[in-house]
Amino acid sequence: MVWCVLYGLCWTVYLAALAYAVLFKASWEEACRFVECLSTGILPPKRKVHLQLFESTRYFLQHWEYSYARWNIYGNLLLFLPLGLLTGAVKKGWKGACLALFFSFILSLGFETIQYLYAIGEFDVDDIMLNVAGAQAGYGLASLARIVLRYGKSRNG
């Protein structure tokens, strides 16, 4: 019972922090614009979409010397790493990997769509790809941790 409550609390804190990091990353001004759009129902006119796979990733790799380029790639990977870890904590095997893949894709697509609709970021398919890759890496780490813990128990027990 305690494990379930703790696990649910971890998910709640993670999703709240993720939403804040993704939706309000740029500025307080964008956060206020988002709230204003929600309250009035009027969507802002200025929006950007990047639908060509690897276009922005290639751009950021070419400009790696700038911190925003590193943050974009590492940030998109690391923001979804906990999703894979949390999924891997309770699901194993290919079902867990598929669950992490599906949930990270849907969540990332939702965030990208919100960023587009409310002009608080850019819709970028590379972000979705990196988010899903981060979740899968997290799931892989959780699986590796499970194997290491199992091996440690068999040696000690």
C-alpha atoms as a PDB file:
ATOM      1  CA  MET A   1       0.000   0.000   0.000  1.00  0.00           C
ATOM      2  CA  VAL A   2       2.778   2.439   0.915  1.00  0.00           C
ATOM      3  CA  TRP A   3       4.598   1.499  -2.299  1.00  0.00           C
ATOM      4  CA  CYS A   4       1.521   2.375  -4.397  1.00  0.00           C
ATOM      5  CA  VAL A   5       1.105   5.758  -2.718  1.00  0.00           C
ATOM      6  CA  LEU A   6       4.803   6.556  -3.109  1.00  0.00           C
ATOM      7  CA  TYR A   7       4.746   5.439  -6.748  1.00  0.00           C
ATOM      8  CA  GLY A   8       1.669   7.588  -7.465  1.00  0.00           C
ATOM      9  CA  LEU A   9       3.309  10.548  -5.742  1.00  0.00           C
ATOM     10  CA  CYS A  10       6.423  10.103  -7.903  1.00  0.00           C
ATOM     11  CA  TRP A  11       4.271  10.150 -11.062  1.00  0.00           C
ATOM     12  CA  THR A  12       2.374  13.244  -9.883  1.00  0.00           C
ATOM     13  CA  VAL A  13       5.507  15.211  -9.042  1.00  0.00           C
ATOM     14  CA  TYR A  14       7.210  14.122 -12.274  1.00  0.00           C
ATOM     15  CA  LEU A  15       4.276  15.025 -14.542  1.00  0.00           C
ATOM     16  CA  ALA A  16       3.796  18.402 -12.838  1.00  0.00           C
ATOM     17  CA  ALA A  17       7.506  19.210 -13.155  1.00  0.00           C
ATOM     18  CA  LEU A  18       7.525  18.006 -16.768  1.00  0.00           C
ATOM     19  CA  ALA A  19       4.508  20.144 -17.692  1.00  0.00           C
ATOM     20  CA  TYR A  20       6.114  23.174 -16.069  1.00  0.00           C
ATOM     21  CA  ALA A  21       9.476  22.574 -17.771  1.00  0.00           C
ATOM     22  CA  VAL A  22       7.973  22.000 -21.217  1.00  0.00           C
ATOM     23  CA  LEU A  23       5.188  24.569 -21.255  1.00  0.00           C
ATOM     24  CA  PHE A  24       6.739  27.412 -19.270  1.00  0.00           C
ATOM     25  CA  LYS A  25      10.402  26.999 -20.136  1.00  0.00           C
ATOM     26  CA  ALA A  26      10.845  30.231 -22.035  1.00  0.00           C
ATOM     27  CA  SER A  27       9.500  32.975 -19.808  1.00  0.00           C
ATOM     28  CA  TRP A  28       6.921  34.190 -17.378  1.00  0.00           C
ATOM     29  CA  GLU A  29       5.432  36.172 -20.274  1.00  0.00           C
ATOM     30  CA  GLU A  30       4.672  32.959 -22.180  1.00  0.00           C
ATOM     31  CA  ALA A  31       3.142  31.394 -19.078  1.00  0.00           C
ATOM     32  CA  CYS A  32       0.821  34.403 -18.718  1.00  0.00           C
ATOM     33  CA  ARG A  33      -0.064  34.264 -22.425  1.00  0.00           C
ATOM     34  CA  PHE A  34      -0.945  30.567 -22.040  1.00  0.00           C
ATOM     35  CA  VAL A  35      -3.265  31.309 -19.096  1.00  0.00           C
ATOM     36  CA  GLU A  36      -4.816  34.231 -20.996  1.00  0.00           C
ATOM     37  CA  CYS A  37      -5.457  32.029 -24.055  1.00  0.00           C
ATOM     38  CA  LEU A  38      -7.085  29.408 -21.855  1.00  0.00           C
ATOM     39  CA  SER A  39      -9.336  31.950 -20.174  1.00  0.00           C
ATOM     40  CA  THR A  40     -10.358  33.831 -23.351  1.00  0.00           C
ATOM     41  CA  GLY A  41     -10.347  30.964 -25.831  1.00  0.00           C
ATOM     42  CA  ILE A  42      -8.469  33.134 -28.356  1.00  0.00           C
ATOM     43  CA  LEU A  43      -5.413  31.495 -29.882  1.00  0.00           C
ATOM     44  CA  PRO A  44      -2.337  33.580 -30.764  1.00  0.00           C
ATOM     45  CA  PRO A  45      -1.477  33.973 -34.477  1.00  0.00           C
ATOM     46  CA  LYS A  46       2.304  33.358 -34.379  1.00  0.00           C
ATOM     47  CA  ARG A  47       3.151  29.637 -34.507  1.00  0.00           C
ATOM     48  CA  LYS A  48       6.014  27.510 -35.869  1.00  0.00           C
ATOM     49  CA  VAL A  49       6.035  23.902 -37.040  1.00  0.00           C
ATOM     50  CA  HIS A  50       9.034  21.676 -37.860  1.00  0.00           C
ATOM     51  CA  LEU A  51       7.851  18.482 -39.559  1.00  0.00           C
ATOM     52  CA  GLN A  52      11.068  17.352 -41.272  1.00  0.00           C
ATOM     53  CA  LEU A  53      12.703  14.641 -39.189  1.00  0.00           C
ATOM     54  CA  PHE A  54      16.256  15.473 -38.020  1.00  0.00           C
ATOM     55  CA  GLU A  55      16.054  19.064 -39.360  1.00  0.00           C
ATOM     56  CA  SER A  56      16.338  20.812 -36.002  1.00  0.00           C
ATOM     57  CA  THR A  57      18.598  18.115 -34.523  1.00  0.00           C
ATOM     58  CA  ARG A  58      21.022  18.622 -37.415  1.00  0.00           C
ATOM     59  CA  TYR A  59      20.859  22.390 -36.856  1.00  0.00           C
ATOM     60  CA  PHE A  60      21.610  22.039 -33.152  1.00  0.00           C
ATOM     61  CA  LEU A  61      24.482  19.640 -33.795  1.00  0.00           C
ATOM     62  CA  GLN A  62      25.969  22.171 -36.231  1.00  0.00           C
ATOM     63  CA  HIS A  63      25.723  24.852 -33.526  1.00  0.00           C
ATOM     64  CA  TRP A  64      26.855  22.660 -30.626  1.00  0.00           C
ATOM     65  CA  GLU A  65      29.095  25.395 -29.216  1.00  0.00           C
ATOM     66  CA  TYR A  66      26.016  27.298 -28.042  1.00  0.00           C
ATOM     67  CA  SER A  67      24.368  26.189 -24.815  1.00  0.00           C
ATOM     68  CA  TYR A  68      20.852  26.344 -26.287  1.00  0.00           C
ATOM     69  CA  ALA A  69      21.844  23.646 -28.796  1.00  0.00           C
ATOM     70  CA  ARG A  70      23.097  21.285 -26.087  1.00  0.00           C
ATOM     71  CA  TRP A  71      20.100  22.052 -23.878  1.00  0.00           C
ATOM     72  CA  ASN A  72      17.678  21.262 -26.694  1.00  0.00           C
ATOM     73  CA  ILE A  73      19.107  17.818 -27.361  1.00  0.00           C
ATOM     74  CA  TYR A  74      20.064  16.798 -23.813  1.00  0.00           C
ATOM     75  CA  GLY A  75      16.986  18.461 -22.343  1.00  0.00           C
ATOM     76  CA  ASN A  76      14.574  16.600 -24.594  1.00  0.00           C
ATOM     77  CA  LEU A  77      16.283  13.306 -23.769  1.00  0.00           C
ATOM     78  CA  LEU A  78      16.582  13.895 -20.025  1.00  0.00           C
ATOM     79  CA  LEU A  79      13.078  15.301 -19.487  1.00  0.00           C
ATOM     80  CA  PHE A  80      11.519  11.974 -20.472  1.00  0.00           C
ATOM     81  CA  LEU A  81      14.113   9.682 -18.858  1.00  0.00           C
ATOM     82  CA  PRO A  82      12.101   9.497 -15.591  1.00  0.00           C
ATOM     83  CA  LEU A  83       9.023   8.363 -17.537  1.00  0.00           C
ATOM     84  CA  GLY A  84      10.945   5.281 -18.681  1.00  0.00           C
ATOM     85  CA  LEU A  85      12.354   4.711 -15.200  1.00  0.00           C
ATOM     86  CA  LEU A  86       8.922   4.914 -13.582  1.00  0.00           C
ATOM     87  CA  THR A  87       7.395   2.626 -16.203  1.00  0.00           C
ATOM     88  CA  GLY A  88      10.269   0.168 -15.878  1.00  0.00           C
ATOM     89  CA  ALA A  89       9.835   0.089 -12.112  1.00  0.00           C
ATOM     90  CA  VAL A  90       6.544  -1.810 -12.473  1.00  0.00           C
ATOM     91  CA  LYS A  91       6.496  -3.301 -15.976  1.00  0.00           C
ATOM     92  CA  LYS A  92       9.106  -5.585 -17.461  1.00  0.00           C
ATOM     93  CA  GLY A  93       9.829  -7.094 -20.830  1.00  0.00           C
ATOM     94  CA  TRP A  94       8.530  -5.953 -24.168  1.00  0.00           C
ATOM     95  CA  LYS A  95       5.146  -4.943 -22.691  1.00  0.00           C
ATOM     96  CA  GLY A  96       6.853  -2.405 -20.439  1.00  0.00           C
ATOM     97  CA  ALA A  97       9.003  -1.104 -23.288  1.00  0.00           C
ATOM     98  CA  CYS A  98       5.908  -0.723 -25.489  1.00  0.00           C
ATOM     99  CA  LEU A  99       4.034   1.030 -22.682  1.00  0.00           C
ATOM    100  CA  ALA A 100       6.905   3.494 -22.193  1.00  0.00           C
ATOM    101  CA  LEU A 101       7.088   4.034 -25.952  1.00  0.00           C
ATOM    102  CA  PHE A 102       3.350   4.631 -26.310  1.00  0.00           C
ATOM    103  CA  PHE A 103       2.978   6.842 -23.236  1.00  0.00           C
ATOM    104  CA  SER A 104       6.040   8.963 -24.068  1.00  0.00           C
ATOM    105  CA  PHE A 105       4.863   9.429 -27.653  1.00  0.00           C
ATOM    106  CA  ILE A 106       1.329  10.464 -26.644  1.00  0.00           C
ATOM    107  CA  LEU A 107       2.559  12.757 -23.863  1.00  0.00           C
ATOM    108  CA  SER A 108       5.196  14.373 -26.073  1.00  0.00           C
ATOM    109  CA  LEU A 109       2.740  14.809 -28.960  1.00  0.00           C
ATOM    110  CA  GLY A 110       0.313  16.427 -26.519  1.00  0.00           C
ATOM    111  CA  PHE A 111       2.940  18.874 -25.263  1.00  0.00           C
ATOM    112  CA  GLU A 112       4.054  19.736 -28.794  1.00  0.00           C
ATOM    113  CA  THR A 113       0.436  20.335 -29.814  1.00  0.00           C
ATOM    114  CA  ILE A 114      -0.179  22.598 -26.816  1.00  0.00           C
ATOM    115  CA  GLN A 115       3.002  24.537 -27.631  1.00  0.00           C
ATOM    116  CA  TYR A 116       1.760  25.002 -31.188  1.00  0.00           C
ATOM    117  CA  LEU A 117      -1.811  25.948 -30.303  1.00  0.00           C
ATOM    118  CA  TYR A 118      -0.836  28.501 -27.676  1.00  0.00           C
ATOM    119  CA  ALA A 119       2.379  29.707 -29.394  1.00  0.00           C
ATOM    120  CA  ILE A 120       4.498  28.954 -26.322  1.00  0.00           C
ATOM    121  CA  GLY A 121       7.067  27.010 -28.279  1.00  0.00           C
ATOM    122  CA  GLU A 122       7.440  25.273 -31.592  1.00  0.00           C
ATOM    123  CA  PHE A 123       5.917  21.997 -32.738  1.00  0.00           C
ATOM    124  CA  ASP A 124       8.956  19.886 -33.630  1.00  0.00           C
ATOM    125  CA  VAL A 125       8.955  16.214 -34.613  1.00  0.00           C
ATOM    126  CA  ASP A 126      12.589  16.002 -33.477  1.00  0.00           C
ATOM    127  CA  ASP A 127      11.485  16.884 -29.941  1.00  0.00           C
ATOM    128  CA  ILE A 128       9.022  13.995 -30.036  1.00  0.00           C
ATOM    129  CA  MET A 129      11.730  11.649 -31.311  1.00  0.00           C
ATOM    130  CA  LEU A 130      14.187  12.745 -28.599  1.00  0.00           C
ATOM    131  CA  ASN A 131      11.512  12.531 -25.880  1.00  0.00           C
ATOM    132  CA  VAL A 132      10.630   8.963 -26.884  1.00  0.00           C
ATOM    133  CA  ALA A 133      14.341   8.059 -27.044  1.00  0.00           C
ATOM    134  CA  GLY A 134      14.799   9.478 -23.532  1.00  0.00           C
ATOM    135  CA  ALA A 135      11.899   7.427 -22.187  1.00  0.00           C
ATOM    136  CA  GLN A 136      13.282   4.285 -23.824  1.00  0.00           C
ATOM    137  CA  ALA A 137      16.711   4.993 -22.322  1.00  0.00           C
ATOM    138  CA  GLY A 138      15.048   5.340 -18.915  1.00  0.00           C
ATOM    139  CA  TYR A 139      13.244   2.067 -19.413  1.00  0.00           C
ATOM    140  CA  GLY A 140      16.556   0.450 -20.375  1.00  0.00           C
ATOM    141  CA  LEU A 141      18.174   1.786 -17.191  1.00  0.00           C
ATOM    142  CA  ALA A 142      15.302   0.435 -15.091  1.00  0.00           C
ATOM    143  CA  SER A 143      15.676  -2.970 -16.760  1.00  0.00           C
ATOM    144  CA  LEU A 144      19.427  -2.912 -16.180  1.00  0.00           C
ATOM    145  CA  ALA A 145      18.895  -2.001 -12.523  1.00  0.00           C
ATOM    146  CA  ARG A 146      16.457  -4.905 -12.164  1.00  0.00           C
ATOM    147  CA  ILE A 147      19.060  -7.326 -13.597  1.00  0.00           C
ATOM    148  CA  VAL A 148      21.832  -5.964 -11.359  1.00  0.00           C
ATOM    149  CA  LEU A 149      19.616  -6.212  -8.252  1.00  0.00           C
ATOM    150  CA  ARG A 150      18.549  -9.735  -9.139  1.00  0.00           C
ATOM    151  CA  TYR A 151      22.174 -10.754  -9.706  1.00  0.00           C
ATOM    152  CA  GLY A 152      23.188  -9.203  -6.387  1.00  0.00           C
ATOM    153  CA  LYS A 153      20.434 -11.093  -4.536  1.00  0.00           C
ATOM    154  CA  SER A 154      21.402 -14.423  -6.118  1.00  0.00           C
ATOM    155  CA  ARG A 155      25.043 -13.953  -5.128  1.00  0.00           C
ATOM    156  CA  ASN A 156      24.210 -12.980  -1.547  1.00  0.00           C
ATOM    157  CA  GLY A 157      21.359 -15.240  -0.934  1.00  0.00           C
END
